[in-house]
């Protein structure tokens, strides 16, 4: 999927399913595109929406006026983590050296979403 037409949007609206209730829960987040994936980040302890992803990785999300379905994966290290944090920093703060970006994301987790289909 080519996300270029939504890349400049500021927010993604991510919907997960409650791990206990099964009800949909939507949060507004910053996002960036890294390759063919959507990347999100969170600093600190896992939130409810992150715990929901661990239970059921199927998500729905809206960027601009376009709705998608996908699968989410939480990364705390590795190539996807590195690509995601660089893409997010560049989008929202601009260019920076590796040390600055690493410091900024030192307590963060990257959430990677692979798009399955548009809704």
C-alpha atoms as a PDB file:
ATOM      1  CA  UNK A   1       0.000   0.000   0.000  1.00  0.00           C
ATOM      2  CA  UNK A   2       1.234   3.442  -0.862  1.00  0.00           C
ATOM      3  CA  UNK A   3       0.532   5.640   2.150  1.00  0.00           C
ATOM      4  CA  UNK A   4       1.922   8.764   0.451  1.00  0.00           C
ATOM      5  CA  UNK A   5      -1.493  10.426   0.182  1.00  0.00           C
ATOM      6  CA  UNK A   6      -1.944  10.340   3.970  1.00  0.00           C
ATOM      7  CA  UNK A   7       1.686  10.774   5.028  1.00  0.00           C
ATOM      8  CA  UNK A   8       1.296  14.479   5.823  1.00  0.00           C
ATOM      9  CA  UNK A   9      -1.697  13.995   8.123  1.00  0.00           C
ATOM     10  CA  UNK A  10      -0.811  14.718  11.747  1.00  0.00           C
ATOM     11  CA  UNK A  11      -2.856  12.033  13.505  1.00  0.00           C
ATOM     12  CA  UNK A  12      -3.897   8.444  13.223  1.00  0.00           C
ATOM     13  CA  UNK A  13      -7.023   7.198  14.974  1.00  0.00           C
ATOM     14  CA  UNK A  14      -6.222   3.675  16.108  1.00  0.00           C
ATOM     15  CA  UNK A  15      -8.965   1.311  17.219  1.00  0.00           C
ATOM     16  CA  UNK A  16      -8.188  -1.821  19.209  1.00  0.00           C
ATOM     17  CA  UNK A  17     -10.550  -4.319  20.819  1.00  0.00           C
ATOM     18  CA  UNK A  18     -10.728  -4.372  24.612  1.00  0.00           C
ATOM     19  CA  UNK A  19      -8.978  -7.480  25.867  1.00  0.00           C
ATOM     20  CA  UNK A  20     -11.663  -8.015  28.523  1.00  0.00           C
ATOM     21  CA  UNK A  21     -14.758  -6.278  27.157  1.00  0.00           C
ATOM     22  CA  UNK A  22     -14.234  -6.849  23.446  1.00  0.00           C
ATOM     23  CA  UNK A  23     -15.466  -3.289  22.885  1.00  0.00           C
ATOM     24  CA  UNK A  24     -13.673  -1.008  20.412  1.00  0.00           C
ATOM     25  CA  UNK A  25     -11.325   1.600  21.895  1.00  0.00           C
ATOM     26  CA  UNK A  26      -9.992   4.443  19.751  1.00  0.00           C
ATOM     27  CA  UNK A  27      -7.004   6.663  20.526  1.00  0.00           C
ATOM     28  CA  UNK A  28      -5.514   9.629  18.671  1.00  0.00           C
ATOM     29  CA  UNK A  29      -1.775   9.283  18.103  1.00  0.00           C
ATOM     30  CA  UNK A  30       1.107  10.681  16.109  1.00  0.00           C
ATOM     31  CA  UNK A  31       2.300   8.384  13.343  1.00  0.00           C
ATOM     32  CA  UNK A  32       4.897   8.152  10.614  1.00  0.00           C
ATOM     33  CA  UNK A  33       5.413   5.945   7.616  1.00  0.00           C
ATOM     34  CA  UNK A  34       8.540   3.811   7.493  1.00  0.00           C
ATOM     35  CA  UNK A  35       8.746   1.795   4.310  1.00  0.00           C
ATOM     36  CA  UNK A  36       5.407   0.004   3.897  1.00  0.00           C
ATOM     37  CA  UNK A  37       4.485   0.214   7.584  1.00  0.00           C
ATOM     38  CA  UNK A  38       2.792   2.721   9.848  1.00  0.00           C
ATOM     39  CA  UNK A  39       4.805   3.465  12.986  1.00  0.00           C
ATOM     40  CA  UNK A  40       3.612   4.778  16.338  1.00  0.00           C
ATOM     41  CA  UNK A  41       5.520   5.219  19.573  1.00  0.00           C
ATOM     42  CA  UNK A  42       4.837   5.288  23.259  1.00  0.00           C
ATOM     43  CA  UNK A  43       7.107   6.149  26.150  1.00  0.00           C
ATOM     44  CA  UNK A  44       6.856   4.318  29.447  1.00  0.00           C
ATOM     45  CA  UNK A  45       4.607   1.517  30.653  1.00  0.00           C
ATOM     46  CA  UNK A  46       2.277  -0.219  28.236  1.00  0.00           C
ATOM     47  CA  UNK A  47      -1.090   1.520  27.886  1.00  0.00           C
ATOM     48  CA  UNK A  48      -4.441  -0.248  27.595  1.00  0.00           C
ATOM     49  CA  UNK A  49      -4.374   0.051  23.798  1.00  0.00           C
ATOM     50  CA  UNK A  50      -0.925  -1.569  23.735  1.00  0.00           C
ATOM     51  CA  UNK A  51      -2.088  -4.374  26.029  1.00  0.00           C
ATOM     52  CA  UNK A  52      -5.068  -4.848  23.708  1.00  0.00           C
ATOM     53  CA  UNK A  53      -2.650  -5.294  20.785  1.00  0.00           C
ATOM     54  CA  UNK A  54      -0.763  -7.967  22.709  1.00  0.00           C
ATOM     55  CA  UNK A  55      -4.047  -9.844  23.165  1.00  0.00           C
ATOM     56  CA  UNK A  56      -5.378  -9.303  19.618  1.00  0.00           C
ATOM     57  CA  UNK A  57      -3.133  -7.632  17.055  1.00  0.00           C
ATOM     58  CA  UNK A  58      -5.954  -6.918  14.591  1.00  0.00           C
ATOM     59  CA  UNK A  59      -6.558  -3.165  14.477  1.00  0.00           C
ATOM     60  CA  UNK A  60      -8.521  -0.623  12.506  1.00  0.00           C
ATOM     61  CA  UNK A  61      -7.215   2.851  11.877  1.00  0.00           C
ATOM     62  CA  UNK A  62      -8.185   6.055  10.186  1.00  0.00           C
ATOM     63  CA  UNK A  63      -5.793   8.555   8.668  1.00  0.00           C
ATOM     64  CA  UNK A  64      -7.433  11.628   7.223  1.00  0.00           C
ATOM     65  CA  UNK A  65     -10.643  10.362   5.667  1.00  0.00           C
ATOM     66  CA  UNK A  66      -9.338   6.892   4.824  1.00  0.00           C
ATOM     67  CA  UNK A  67     -10.093   3.832   6.975  1.00  0.00           C
ATOM     68  CA  UNK A  68      -7.817   0.785   7.084  1.00  0.00           C
ATOM     69  CA  UNK A  69      -7.524  -2.617   8.734  1.00  0.00           C
ATOM     70  CA  UNK A  70      -4.187  -4.041   9.735  1.00  0.00           C
ATOM     71  CA  UNK A  71      -2.075  -6.016  12.151  1.00  0.00           C
ATOM     72  CA  UNK A  72      -0.021  -4.312  14.854  1.00  0.00           C
ATOM     73  CA  UNK A  73       3.237  -5.456  16.396  1.00  0.00           C
ATOM     74  CA  UNK A  74       5.119  -3.961  19.337  1.00  0.00           C
ATOM     75  CA  UNK A  75       8.881  -3.502  18.908  1.00  0.00           C
ATOM     76  CA  UNK A  76      11.335  -2.614  21.651  1.00  0.00           C
ATOM     77  CA  UNK A  77      14.451  -3.143  19.535  1.00  0.00           C
ATOM     78  CA  UNK A  78      15.584  -4.272  16.108  1.00  0.00           C
ATOM     79  CA  UNK A  79      15.351  -2.907  12.590  1.00  0.00           C
ATOM     80  CA  UNK A  80      11.659  -1.942  12.729  1.00  0.00           C
ATOM     81  CA  UNK A  81      12.302  -0.065  15.987  1.00  0.00           C
ATOM     82  CA  UNK A  82      15.180   1.870  14.422  1.00  0.00           C
ATOM     83  CA  UNK A  83      13.271   2.714  11.230  1.00  0.00           C
ATOM     84  CA  UNK A  84      10.186   3.752  13.192  1.00  0.00           C
ATOM     85  CA  UNK A  85      11.902   6.081  15.611  1.00  0.00           C
ATOM     86  CA  UNK A  86      13.824   7.818  12.816  1.00  0.00           C
ATOM     87  CA  UNK A  87      10.662   8.260  10.730  1.00  0.00           C
ATOM     88  CA  UNK A  88       8.693   9.627  13.695  1.00  0.00           C
ATOM     89  CA  UNK A  89      11.411  12.063  14.775  1.00  0.00           C
ATOM     90  CA  UNK A  90      11.916  13.345  11.243  1.00  0.00           C
ATOM     91  CA  UNK A  91       8.189  13.901  10.685  1.00  0.00           C
ATOM     92  CA  UNK A  92       7.478  15.789  13.903  1.00  0.00           C
ATOM     93  CA  UNK A  93      10.813  17.410  14.818  1.00  0.00           C
ATOM     94  CA  UNK A  94      12.988  17.419  11.697  1.00  0.00           C
ATOM     95  CA  UNK A  95      16.459  16.097  11.071  1.00  0.00           C
ATOM     96  CA  UNK A  96      18.680  15.148  13.988  1.00  0.00           C
ATOM     97  CA  UNK A  97      21.786  13.124  14.653  1.00  0.00           C
ATOM     98  CA  UNK A  98      21.538   9.511  15.784  1.00  0.00           C
ATOM     99  CA  UNK A  99      22.500  10.374  19.374  1.00  0.00           C
ATOM    100  CA  UNK A 100      19.634  12.884  19.716  1.00  0.00           C
ATOM    101  CA  UNK A 101      17.099  10.443  18.284  1.00  0.00           C
ATOM    102  CA  UNK A 102      18.350   7.581  20.459  1.00  0.00           C
ATOM    103  CA  UNK A 103      18.111   9.807  23.540  1.00  0.00           C
ATOM    104  CA  UNK A 104      14.589  10.943  22.610  1.00  0.00           C
ATOM    105  CA  UNK A 105      13.376   7.334  22.230  1.00  0.00           C
ATOM    106  CA  UNK A 106      15.458   5.817  25.061  1.00  0.00           C
ATOM    107  CA  UNK A 107      12.348   4.821  27.043  1.00  0.00           C
ATOM    108  CA  UNK A 108      10.040   4.262  24.090  1.00  0.00           C
ATOM    109  CA  UNK A 109       8.403   1.393  22.324  1.00  0.00           C
ATOM    110  CA  UNK A 110       7.592   1.425  18.616  1.00  0.00           C
ATOM    111  CA  UNK A 111       4.333  -0.019  17.388  1.00  0.00           C
ATOM    112  CA  UNK A 112       4.394  -1.125  13.766  1.00  0.00           C
ATOM    113  CA  UNK A 113       1.186  -1.597  11.781  1.00  0.00           C
ATOM    114  CA  UNK A 114       1.018  -3.576   8.555  1.00  0.00           C
ATOM    115  CA  UNK A 115      -1.985  -2.644   6.451  1.00  0.00           C
ATOM    116  CA  UNK A 116      -4.211  -5.494   5.344  1.00  0.00           C
ATOM    117  CA  UNK A 117      -6.872  -3.554   3.443  1.00  0.00           C
ATOM    118  CA  UNK A 118      -8.691  -0.287   3.073  1.00  0.00           C
ATOM    119  CA  UNK A 119     -12.210  -0.275   4.481  1.00  0.00           C
END
